[in-house]
Amino acid sequence: MAAATTTETFPCSPEQFFNIVADYEKYPEFLNEVKSCKVIETKGNKKLVEFQVSMIKTFTYRLWMTEEHNKRVSWTLDSGDVFKTSSGSWDLEDSGGKTKAKYAVDATFKVFVPGPVAKALVNVNLPNMMKAYQDRVKKQYG
């Protein structure tokens, strides 16, 4: 199992940050690894979202995204090529007009991946991903 967590402050309201996180189909515009992203199905506050991601190779997976408006987006794996399990969340908190966002992800792989390699795969893009979200916030609300 590979897991990663990070907390970062973004210069926007929780509602504004939630709008960026929950706008899945725009991910390819600012997350380099995401080649396509589309909502397949919606059931109440849950959306089945299909991601096509390119990291070393291109792979596809589907996540059930559960949205708690302006507070939280969490996910669990529905299906995919690479992951056996994948779950995580964005937890958003108002911090004096800014958003304190805690990101957590946990994944296991279908094929054997040595522990240190699995951890590196989950963690390697975290700083780049956070920078991409910071840039997106500045572009939209800066």
N, C-alpha and C. Protein backbone atom coordinates (compact mmCIF):
# COMPACT_ATOMS: atom_id res chain seq x y z
N MET A 1 0.84 -1.17 0.00
CA MET A 1 0.00 0.00 0.00
C MET A 1 0.88 1.24 0.00
N ALA A 2 0.45 2.26 -0.73
CA ALA A 2 1.18 3.52 -0.79
C ALA A 2 0.22 4.63 -0.37
N ALA A 3 0.69 5.51 0.47
CA ALA A 3 -0.16 6.59 0.96
C ALA A 3 0.63 7.89 0.99
N ALA A 4 -0.10 8.99 0.86
CA ALA A 4 0.51 10.31 0.94
C ALA A 4 -0.52 11.29 1.48
N THR A 5 -0.06 12.25 2.26
CA THR A 5 -0.92 13.34 2.70
C THR A 5 -0.11 14.62 2.67
N THR A 6 -0.81 15.71 2.44
CA THR A 6 -0.18 17.02 2.49
C THR A 6 -1.27 18.04 2.79
N THR A 7 -0.87 19.12 3.41
CA THR A 7 -1.79 20.22 3.69
C THR A 7 -1.19 21.49 3.13
N GLU A 8 -2.02 22.26 2.45
CA GLU A 8 -1.54 23.48 1.83
C GLU A 8 -2.63 24.55 1.92
N THR A 9 -2.20 25.81 1.96
CA THR A 9 -3.14 26.93 2.01
C THR A 9 -3.21 27.57 0.63
N PHE A 10 -4.44 27.82 0.18
CA PHE A 10 -4.69 28.42 -1.13
C PHE A 10 -5.35 29.78 -0.96
N PRO A 11 -4.96 30.77 -1.78
CA PRO A 11 -5.49 32.13 -1.64
C PRO A 11 -6.87 32.31 -2.29
N CYS A 12 -7.85 31.57 -1.76
CA CYS A 12 -9.23 31.67 -2.24
C CYS A 12 -10.14 31.10 -1.16
N SER A 13 -11.43 31.26 -1.33
CA SER A 13 -12.39 30.73 -0.35
C SER A 13 -12.54 29.22 -0.54
N PRO A 14 -13.03 28.51 0.49
CA PRO A 14 -13.30 27.08 0.31
C PRO A 14 -14.27 26.82 -0.85
N GLU A 15 -15.24 27.70 -1.06
CA GLU A 15 -16.18 27.52 -2.17
C GLU A 15 -15.45 27.62 -3.51
N GLN A 16 -14.56 28.59 -3.65
CA GLN A 16 -13.80 28.73 -4.89
C GLN A 16 -12.90 27.52 -5.13
N PHE A 17 -12.23 27.05 -4.06
CA PHE A 17 -11.34 25.89 -4.23
C PHE A 17 -12.15 24.64 -4.54
N PHE A 18 -13.29 24.48 -3.87
CA PHE A 18 -14.17 23.34 -4.14
C PHE A 18 -14.58 23.34 -5.61
N ASN A 19 -14.90 24.53 -6.15
CA ASN A 19 -15.31 24.62 -7.55
C ASN A 19 -14.22 24.14 -8.51
N ILE A 20 -12.96 24.38 -8.16
CA ILE A 20 -11.84 23.90 -8.98
C ILE A 20 -11.70 22.38 -8.84
N VAL A 21 -11.71 21.89 -7.61
CA VAL A 21 -11.52 20.45 -7.35
C VAL A 21 -12.66 19.63 -7.97
N ALA A 22 -13.89 20.15 -7.92
CA ALA A 22 -15.06 19.39 -8.39
C ALA A 22 -15.33 19.57 -9.88
N ASP A 23 -14.50 20.35 -10.57
CA ASP A 23 -14.67 20.55 -12.01
C ASP A 23 -13.73 19.59 -12.75
N TYR A 24 -14.03 18.30 -12.61
CA TYR A 24 -13.14 17.23 -13.06
C TYR A 24 -12.75 17.35 -14.54
N GLU A 25 -13.70 17.70 -15.37
CA GLU A 25 -13.44 17.71 -16.81
C GLU A 25 -12.46 18.80 -17.23
N LYS A 26 -12.14 19.73 -16.32
CA LYS A 26 -11.14 20.76 -16.62
C LYS A 26 -9.74 20.35 -16.16
N TYR A 27 -9.60 19.21 -15.48
CA TYR A 27 -8.28 18.78 -14.99
C TYR A 27 -7.20 18.77 -16.08
N PRO A 28 -7.50 18.29 -17.31
CA PRO A 28 -6.44 18.28 -18.33
C PRO A 28 -5.89 19.68 -18.66
N GLU A 29 -6.64 20.73 -18.34
CA GLU A 29 -6.18 22.09 -18.61
C GLU A 29 -5.02 22.51 -17.72
N PHE A 30 -4.91 21.89 -16.52
CA PHE A 30 -3.86 22.34 -15.60
C PHE A 30 -3.07 21.23 -14.92
N LEU A 31 -3.50 19.99 -15.03
CA LEU A 31 -2.75 18.87 -14.47
C LEU A 31 -2.11 18.11 -15.64
N ASN A 32 -0.80 18.28 -15.81
CA ASN A 32 -0.10 17.74 -16.98
C ASN A 32 -0.29 16.25 -17.22
N GLU A 33 -0.37 15.46 -16.15
CA GLU A 33 -0.46 14.00 -16.30
C GLU A 33 -1.85 13.56 -16.76
N VAL A 34 -2.87 14.40 -16.53
CA VAL A 34 -4.25 14.03 -16.86
C VAL A 34 -4.50 14.36 -18.33
N LYS A 35 -4.68 13.33 -19.12
CA LYS A 35 -4.90 13.50 -20.56
C LYS A 35 -6.38 13.70 -20.88
N SER A 36 -7.26 13.04 -20.14
CA SER A 36 -8.69 13.26 -20.29
C SER A 36 -9.38 12.91 -18.98
N CYS A 37 -10.54 13.52 -18.80
CA CYS A 37 -11.30 13.31 -17.58
C CYS A 37 -12.76 13.60 -17.90
N LYS A 38 -13.63 12.61 -17.67
CA LYS A 38 -15.04 12.86 -17.98
C LYS A 38 -15.95 12.21 -16.94
N VAL A 39 -17.04 12.90 -16.68
CA VAL A 39 -18.06 12.38 -15.76
C VAL A 39 -18.91 11.39 -16.54
N ILE A 40 -18.96 10.15 -16.05
CA ILE A 40 -19.68 9.06 -16.72
C ILE A 40 -21.12 8.97 -16.20
N GLU A 41 -21.29 9.21 -14.89
CA GLU A 41 -22.59 9.01 -14.26
C GLU A 41 -22.67 9.90 -13.03
N THR A 42 -23.88 10.37 -12.72
CA THR A 42 -24.11 11.16 -11.51
C THR A 42 -25.26 10.53 -10.74
N LYS A 43 -25.05 10.34 -9.42
CA LYS A 43 -26.09 9.82 -8.52
C LYS A 43 -26.06 10.69 -7.27
N GLY A 44 -26.97 11.65 -7.20
CA GLY A 44 -27.00 12.56 -6.05
C GLY A 44 -25.71 13.33 -5.95
N ASN A 45 -25.02 13.21 -4.80
CA ASN A 45 -23.75 13.93 -4.60
C ASN A 45 -22.53 13.09 -5.01
N LYS A 46 -22.78 12.01 -5.75
CA LYS A 46 -21.68 11.14 -6.22
C LYS A 46 -21.59 11.20 -7.73
N LYS A 47 -20.34 11.21 -8.21
CA LYS A 47 -20.10 11.19 -9.66
C LYS A 47 -19.07 10.13 -9.96
N LEU A 48 -19.34 9.34 -11.00
CA LEU A 48 -18.37 8.37 -11.50
C LEU A 48 -17.56 9.09 -12.56
N VAL A 49 -16.26 9.23 -12.30
CA VAL A 49 -15.38 10.00 -13.18
C VAL A 49 -14.30 9.10 -13.74
N GLU A 50 -14.13 9.15 -15.07
CA GLU A 50 -13.09 8.36 -15.73
C GLU A 50 -11.89 9.25 -16.04
N PHE A 51 -10.73 8.81 -15.56
CA PHE A 51 -9.47 9.53 -15.77
C PHE A 51 -8.59 8.74 -16.72
N GLN A 52 -7.94 9.45 -17.63
CA GLN A 52 -6.87 8.85 -18.43
C GLN A 52 -5.62 9.65 -18.07
N VAL A 53 -4.64 8.95 -17.50
CA VAL A 53 -3.45 9.59 -16.95
C VAL A 53 -2.21 9.01 -17.62
N SER A 54 -1.24 9.87 -17.87
CA SER A 54 0.02 9.41 -18.47
C SER A 54 1.17 9.69 -17.50
N MET A 55 1.70 8.62 -16.93
CA MET A 55 2.88 8.66 -16.06
C MET A 55 3.68 7.42 -16.42
N ILE A 56 4.76 7.58 -17.09
CA ILE A 56 5.56 6.49 -17.65
C ILE A 56 4.77 5.83 -18.79
N LYS A 57 3.55 5.35 -18.49
CA LYS A 57 2.67 4.84 -19.54
C LYS A 57 1.28 5.44 -19.29
N THR A 58 0.41 5.28 -20.27
CA THR A 58 -0.96 5.81 -20.12
C THR A 58 -1.85 4.73 -19.54
N PHE A 59 -2.65 5.12 -18.54
CA PHE A 59 -3.60 4.18 -17.96
C PHE A 59 -4.90 4.90 -17.64
N THR A 60 -5.95 4.10 -17.49
CA THR A 60 -7.29 4.62 -17.27
C THR A 60 -7.85 4.02 -15.99
N TYR A 61 -8.59 4.83 -15.26
CA TYR A 61 -9.29 4.33 -14.08
C TYR A 61 -10.52 5.18 -13.83
N ARG A 62 -11.46 4.61 -13.07
CA ARG A 62 -12.69 5.31 -12.72
C ARG A 62 -12.81 5.40 -11.20
N LEU A 63 -13.16 6.59 -10.75
CA LEU A 63 -13.34 6.84 -9.32
C LEU A 63 -14.76 7.33 -9.06
N TRP A 64 -15.34 6.87 -7.95
CA TRP A 64 -16.59 7.46 -7.47
C TRP A 64 -16.21 8.63 -6.58
N MET A 65 -16.55 9.83 -7.02
CA MET A 65 -16.26 11.06 -6.29
C MET A 65 -17.50 11.43 -5.48
N THR A 66 -17.33 11.63 -4.19
CA THR A 66 -18.43 12.06 -3.32
C THR A 66 -18.17 13.50 -2.90
N GLU A 67 -19.14 14.36 -3.18
CA GLU A 67 -18.96 15.79 -2.93
C GLU A 67 -19.79 16.26 -1.74
N GLU A 68 -19.12 16.90 -0.80
CA GLU A 68 -19.79 17.61 0.30
C GLU A 68 -19.48 19.08 0.06
N HIS A 69 -20.44 19.77 -0.53
CA HIS A 69 -20.25 21.11 -1.07
C HIS A 69 -19.42 22.03 -0.16
N ASN A 70 -18.32 22.55 -0.72
CA ASN A 70 -17.42 23.51 -0.07
C ASN A 70 -16.66 22.96 1.13
N LYS A 71 -16.80 21.65 1.43
CA LYS A 71 -16.13 21.07 2.60
C LYS A 71 -15.19 19.92 2.24
N ARG A 72 -15.66 19.05 1.33
CA ARG A 72 -14.90 17.81 1.11
C ARG A 72 -15.24 17.18 -0.23
N VAL A 73 -14.21 16.61 -0.86
CA VAL A 73 -14.40 15.72 -2.00
C VAL A 73 -13.60 14.47 -1.66
N SER A 74 -14.28 13.33 -1.65
CA SER A 74 -13.57 12.07 -1.36
C SER A 74 -13.83 11.11 -2.51
N TRP A 75 -13.00 10.08 -2.60
CA TRP A 75 -13.15 9.15 -3.71
C TRP A 75 -12.77 7.73 -3.31
N THR A 76 -13.36 6.79 -4.08
CA THR A 76 -13.00 5.38 -3.99
C THR A 76 -12.95 4.82 -5.40
N LEU A 77 -12.11 3.85 -5.59
CA LEU A 77 -11.92 3.24 -6.91
C LEU A 77 -13.15 2.44 -7.33
N ASP A 78 -13.56 2.63 -8.58
CA ASP A 78 -14.60 1.81 -9.19
C ASP A 78 -13.93 0.72 -10.03
N SER A 79 -13.01 1.13 -10.93
CA SER A 79 -12.32 0.16 -11.79
C SER A 79 -11.09 0.83 -12.40
N GLY A 80 -10.20 0.00 -12.97
CA GLY A 80 -9.03 0.57 -13.63
C GLY A 80 -7.98 -0.45 -13.97
N ASP A 81 -6.99 0.00 -14.77
CA ASP A 81 -5.92 -0.88 -15.26
C ASP A 81 -4.86 -1.17 -14.20
N VAL A 82 -4.55 -0.19 -13.38
CA VAL A 82 -3.35 -0.24 -12.55
C VAL A 82 -3.65 -0.46 -11.07
N PHE A 83 -4.67 0.23 -10.57
CA PHE A 83 -4.94 0.19 -9.14
C PHE A 83 -5.83 -0.98 -8.74
N LYS A 84 -5.50 -1.60 -7.63
CA LYS A 84 -6.38 -2.58 -7.00
C LYS A 84 -7.34 -1.81 -6.10
N THR A 85 -6.79 -0.84 -5.36
CA THR A 85 -7.61 0.04 -4.54
C THR A 85 -7.06 1.46 -4.69
N SER A 86 -7.92 2.42 -4.53
CA SER A 86 -7.51 3.82 -4.48
C SER A 86 -8.61 4.59 -3.78
N SER A 87 -8.22 5.32 -2.76
CA SER A 87 -9.17 6.17 -2.06
C SER A 87 -8.43 7.41 -1.60
N GLY A 88 -9.19 8.44 -1.32
CA GLY A 88 -8.57 9.66 -0.85
C GLY A 88 -9.58 10.76 -0.67
N SER A 89 -9.07 11.95 -0.38
CA SER A 89 -9.97 13.07 -0.15
C SER A 89 -9.23 14.40 -0.19
N TRP A 90 -10.01 15.43 -0.42
CA TRP A 90 -9.63 16.81 -0.19
C TRP A 90 -10.54 17.26 0.95
N ASP A 91 -9.99 17.71 2.05
CA ASP A 91 -10.78 18.29 3.14
C ASP A 91 -10.46 19.78 3.20
N LEU A 92 -11.50 20.60 3.10
CA LEU A 92 -11.34 22.05 2.99
C LEU A 92 -11.81 22.75 4.25
N GLU A 93 -11.03 23.75 4.67
CA GLU A 93 -11.33 24.48 5.89
C GLU A 93 -11.06 25.96 5.64
N ASP A 94 -11.99 26.81 6.09
CA ASP A 94 -11.79 28.25 5.95
C ASP A 94 -10.70 28.69 6.91
N SER A 95 -9.75 29.43 6.41
CA SER A 95 -8.64 29.92 7.23
C SER A 95 -8.49 31.42 6.98
N GLY A 96 -9.45 32.18 7.51
CA GLY A 96 -9.41 33.63 7.39
C GLY A 96 -9.44 34.13 5.96
N GLY A 97 -10.41 33.63 5.17
CA GLY A 97 -10.54 34.06 3.78
C GLY A 97 -9.69 33.26 2.81
N LYS A 98 -8.89 32.37 3.33
CA LYS A 98 -8.10 31.46 2.49
C LYS A 98 -8.62 30.05 2.75
N THR A 99 -8.12 29.10 1.99
CA THR A 99 -8.53 27.71 2.18
C THR A 99 -7.35 26.87 2.62
N LYS A 100 -7.52 26.21 3.75
CA LYS A 100 -6.56 25.21 4.19
C LYS A 100 -7.08 23.87 3.66
N ALA A 101 -6.33 23.27 2.75
CA ALA A 101 -6.77 22.04 2.08
C ALA A 101 -5.85 20.90 2.44
N LYS A 102 -6.44 19.84 2.98
CA LYS A 102 -5.68 18.63 3.29
C LYS A 102 -6.01 17.60 2.21
N TYR A 103 -4.95 17.13 1.54
CA TYR A 103 -5.09 16.13 0.49
C TYR A 103 -4.53 14.82 1.01
N ALA A 104 -5.29 13.75 0.84
CA ALA A 104 -4.83 12.42 1.27
C ALA A 104 -5.17 11.41 0.18
N VAL A 105 -4.24 10.50 -0.07
CA VAL A 105 -4.49 9.43 -1.04
C VAL A 105 -3.86 8.14 -0.54
N ASP A 106 -4.50 7.04 -0.87
CA ASP A 106 -4.06 5.71 -0.45
C ASP A 106 -4.33 4.78 -1.62
N ALA A 107 -3.35 4.01 -2.04
CA ALA A 107 -3.54 3.15 -3.21
C ALA A 107 -2.77 1.85 -3.08
N THR A 108 -3.33 0.80 -3.67
CA THR A 108 -2.60 -0.45 -3.86
C THR A 108 -2.67 -0.77 -5.36
N PHE A 109 -1.70 -1.51 -5.83
CA PHE A 109 -1.58 -1.78 -7.27
C PHE A 109 -1.93 -3.23 -7.59
N LYS A 110 -2.41 -3.45 -8.82
CA LYS A 110 -2.80 -4.79 -9.26
C LYS A 110 -1.59 -5.69 -9.45
N VAL A 111 -0.48 -5.13 -9.91
CA VAL A 111 0.73 -5.92 -10.08
C VAL A 111 1.66 -5.61 -8.91
N PHE A 112 2.59 -6.49 -8.65
CA PHE A 112 3.52 -6.25 -7.55
C PHE A 112 4.38 -5.03 -7.85
N VAL A 113 4.35 -4.11 -6.93
CA VAL A 113 5.21 -2.93 -7.00
C VAL A 113 5.92 -2.87 -5.65
N PRO A 114 7.25 -2.92 -5.62
CA PRO A 114 7.95 -2.85 -4.34
C PRO A 114 7.53 -1.62 -3.54
N GLY A 115 7.42 -1.78 -2.23
CA GLY A 115 6.97 -0.72 -1.33
C GLY A 115 7.57 0.66 -1.60
N PRO A 116 8.91 0.78 -1.67
CA PRO A 116 9.50 2.09 -1.91
C PRO A 116 9.11 2.68 -3.27
N VAL A 117 8.94 1.83 -4.28
CA VAL A 117 8.56 2.30 -5.61
C VAL A 117 7.10 2.78 -5.57
N ALA A 118 6.23 2.01 -4.92
CA ALA A 118 4.82 2.39 -4.80
C ALA A 118 4.69 3.74 -4.08
N LYS A 119 5.44 3.90 -3.01
CA LYS A 119 5.41 5.15 -2.25
C LYS A 119 5.89 6.31 -3.13
N ALA A 120 6.93 6.07 -3.90
CA ALA A 120 7.47 7.11 -4.79
C ALA A 120 6.44 7.49 -5.86
N LEU A 121 5.73 6.49 -6.42
CA LEU A 121 4.72 6.77 -7.44
C LEU A 121 3.61 7.65 -6.89
N VAL A 122 3.21 7.39 -5.66
CA VAL A 122 2.13 8.17 -5.05
C VAL A 122 2.62 9.56 -4.65
N ASN A 123 3.85 9.66 -4.16
CA ASN A 123 4.37 10.93 -3.65
C ASN A 123 5.05 11.82 -4.68
N VAL A 124 5.59 11.24 -5.76
CA VAL A 124 6.46 11.98 -6.67
C VAL A 124 5.77 13.21 -7.27
N ASN A 125 4.51 13.07 -7.60
CA ASN A 125 3.84 14.18 -8.26
C ASN A 125 3.14 15.13 -7.30
N LEU A 126 3.19 14.85 -6.01
CA LEU A 126 2.48 15.69 -5.04
C LEU A 126 2.91 17.15 -5.10
N PRO A 127 4.19 17.48 -5.05
CA PRO A 127 4.57 18.90 -5.12
C PRO A 127 4.15 19.56 -6.44
N ASN A 128 4.31 18.84 -7.56
CA ASN A 128 3.91 19.39 -8.85
C ASN A 128 2.39 19.58 -8.91
N MET A 129 1.65 18.63 -8.35
CA MET A 129 0.20 18.72 -8.35
C MET A 129 -0.25 19.93 -7.52
N MET A 130 0.34 20.11 -6.35
CA MET A 130 -0.04 21.24 -5.50
C MET A 130 0.28 22.56 -6.18
N LYS A 131 1.42 22.62 -6.86
CA LYS A 131 1.79 23.84 -7.59
C LYS A 131 0.77 24.10 -8.71
N ALA A 132 0.33 23.04 -9.39
CA ALA A 132 -0.66 23.19 -10.45
C ALA A 132 -1.98 23.74 -9.90
N TYR A 133 -2.38 23.27 -8.72
CA TYR A 133 -3.61 23.80 -8.11
C TYR A 133 -3.41 25.25 -7.67
N GLN A 134 -2.23 25.58 -7.12
CA GLN A 134 -1.94 26.98 -6.74
C GLN A 134 -2.03 27.87 -7.98
N ASP A 135 -1.43 27.44 -9.08
CA ASP A 135 -1.46 28.22 -10.31
C ASP A 135 -2.88 28.38 -10.84
N ARG A 136 -3.67 27.31 -10.73
CA ARG A 136 -5.06 27.38 -11.19
C ARG A 136 -5.87 28.38 -10.37
N VAL A 137 -5.67 28.37 -9.05
CA VAL A 137 -6.37 29.31 -8.17
C VAL A 137 -6.00 30.75 -8.55
N LYS A 138 -4.70 30.98 -8.75
CA LYS A 138 -4.24 32.35 -9.10
C LYS A 138 -4.81 32.77 -10.45
N LYS A 139 -4.87 31.83 -11.41
CA LYS A 139 -5.40 32.15 -12.74
C LYS A 139 -6.89 32.49 -12.67
N GLN A 140 -7.65 31.71 -11.88
CA GLN A 140 -9.10 31.90 -11.82
C GLN A 140 -9.51 33.02 -10.86
N TYR A 141 -8.80 33.16 -9.75
CA TYR A 141 -9.25 34.08 -8.71
C TYR A 141 -8.23 35.12 -8.31
N GLY A 142 -7.01 35.05 -8.95
CA GLY A 142 -5.89 35.88 -8.58
C GLY A 142 -6.10 37.34 -8.78
